[in-house]
Amino acid sequence: MVNQFGFGNRSFKKALQKEKQQQQQKEEKEGHGGHGEQDEQEQKKIDSTKENEHDALPKYDSRWTFPPPPLIDTSDITSDGGKWIQLSDGRIVEYFICGSTSSPDATVLLDCHGGTCTGQFFQSMPEWVEKCGENELNLKVISISQPGFGYSTIQPERKLRDWPMTDVLPILREEGVSEFLVTGISFGTCHAMAVASTFSPDNKSTENEEESLPKCLGMGLRVPYLGSESCERLQLKNHLQLGYTCESANTSFIGHMIARAFMTTQDKPSSAFDDPSFILKNFIRCVNPGALENLERLKSEYPEMCKIVGKSMDRAVVHSIIGCMYNYATDVLLDHGYDVESIQKDIPIVVWYAKDDEDCPPSHGEYLASGKHFIKCNSSTTRVFEGFGHIGGAFIDHPQFLEDLVSTIQV
C-alpha cells in the first residue's frame, strides 16, 4: 500500500527507524544526547536562568531542518491586541482576552485554537465575542497561542500532556483564575482534553506547591481528535495513520519538503484557502478526498467567516512557518502522552463533530459523544454536521455551541 508521501508503508517505517537509530548513535558518540550526561530527572527540570526564548530550544546543529527563527519582538503582540508572558525556560507565550472583560462575576473560558489559527482568532469573530458579553453568557475568554503559532516561541519535541502545566498554568496564575471552562477546536481539542485531565477538580495541588490548582468545570470539543494512545486502546482510526513528519521534530526532512512545497505554490496560507494552486489541489484530493468540495460550499454560504479564517491562517505563520511544522511531527500530532479516559467521567461536556470530516476521523467524535466514558454526554449536548466537512464542523454556529456548554454547567 502506498501512503500519501508516495512511499510504501513498510519502506517508510524502515526509513524512520533507520533515521532514529542514526540519530541515537550520533548522540551517544558525541556524548551530549541533547542534554549532556544529566539523568532523565535533570532533563525535565526548568532552568530559571534562561535569558531568552532561544535558550529553551534544543542545541542547533546539522540535524535541524531550519535554524531557529529570529527572537520575538513582544511589541508585535501588544500591537495585535494581545498580552504575553515569558516562561522560566525563556519561551514567550502570547494570549488574548475578550468577551466579558470587566465583570467580576464573569466565568472564565479557556479557548484552545485549531491548527491553522492563533489565540487572536476568537476575538476576530464579532458574533462570538458578542455572545460572551456581560449581557449574554458573561464569559471572559482567554485564548493562548500554542507553541510555534503567531508569536509564541517554537517548541520542537513538545508533549501535549505537558502544555497545561508549562504554558497554561502560568497564565491562569497571572490572570487570577481559580475555575474555568475549556473549549477546543480541531487540534485545539487535544490541548483542551489535556487541560481537563490536568486541572480536574480532584487534583488538589502541584507537586512542589501547596497552592491548589485551578479547576476545570466543563469542556466543549468541536471536530475532536484523539491521540495514538487512546486510538490504539479504543481501536479507532488514527489521523492519516501516521504523522506528517518524522518522530523527532527537529530532524524532519519530510516535514521540510512539505512546508517548502506548500509555500512555493502559494504566496501565503490564506491564498491557499481562497484559491489553492493546481499542485495543492491535487495534494488535498489525495490526502483529504472531498475537502475541496466542502470548502467551496462553505465559502458560498459563510463567506465572512471564511475570510476571517483565512486571515487567521496568515497570522499563524507571521513569525515563522517552521513553528507550525513542528506541531505536525508524529511526537506532537499523534503521540499526546495521555489517554482520554484520564479525564474525569462526570465532567460536563459538549461534543460537536462532522460526519464528513476529511481531517479528524468522525469516529473520535462518535466515541466522545457516546457516553461510554463521559456519562454526562447525550443527544442534547451533541451535534453532528454534514455537508461542510472539517472546517464547517469547526466554526459554524459557535455562539450556540458556547450557549450549550454554559447550559450544561447550570443544570
Foldseek 3Di string as FASTA:
>chain_A
DAALVRDDPVVVVVVLVVVVVVVVVVCVVVQQVQNHPDDPVVVPDAAQPDDAQVQLAGDDDPLFPDDFFDGFDCVVLVVLQWDWDAFSNHWIKIKHKAAAPPDPPAAEEEEFEALLFFNSLQVVDVVNNVCRHPVHNRYIYMYIGDDLFFNTHFYWLDFLLCCCPRPVQVVCVVVVAQEHEYEYFHLRLLNNLSNLLVQDVVQAPDPPDNHGGRHHQAYEYFADAFAPVQCVVVVHDHFSNFFQAHQGLRNGPSLVVVLVVQCVQDVAQLCCLVPNDPVVVVSCCSQFNPQVVLSVVCCVVPVVSSVSSSVRSRSRQVRHPSSSSSCRHRSRSHVNPDHSLSRAQARHYAYEYECSARGHHVVVSCVVQVCPRNVNRYPLRYYYHYRNYSVCRRDPPVSVNVVSRSVSSVD
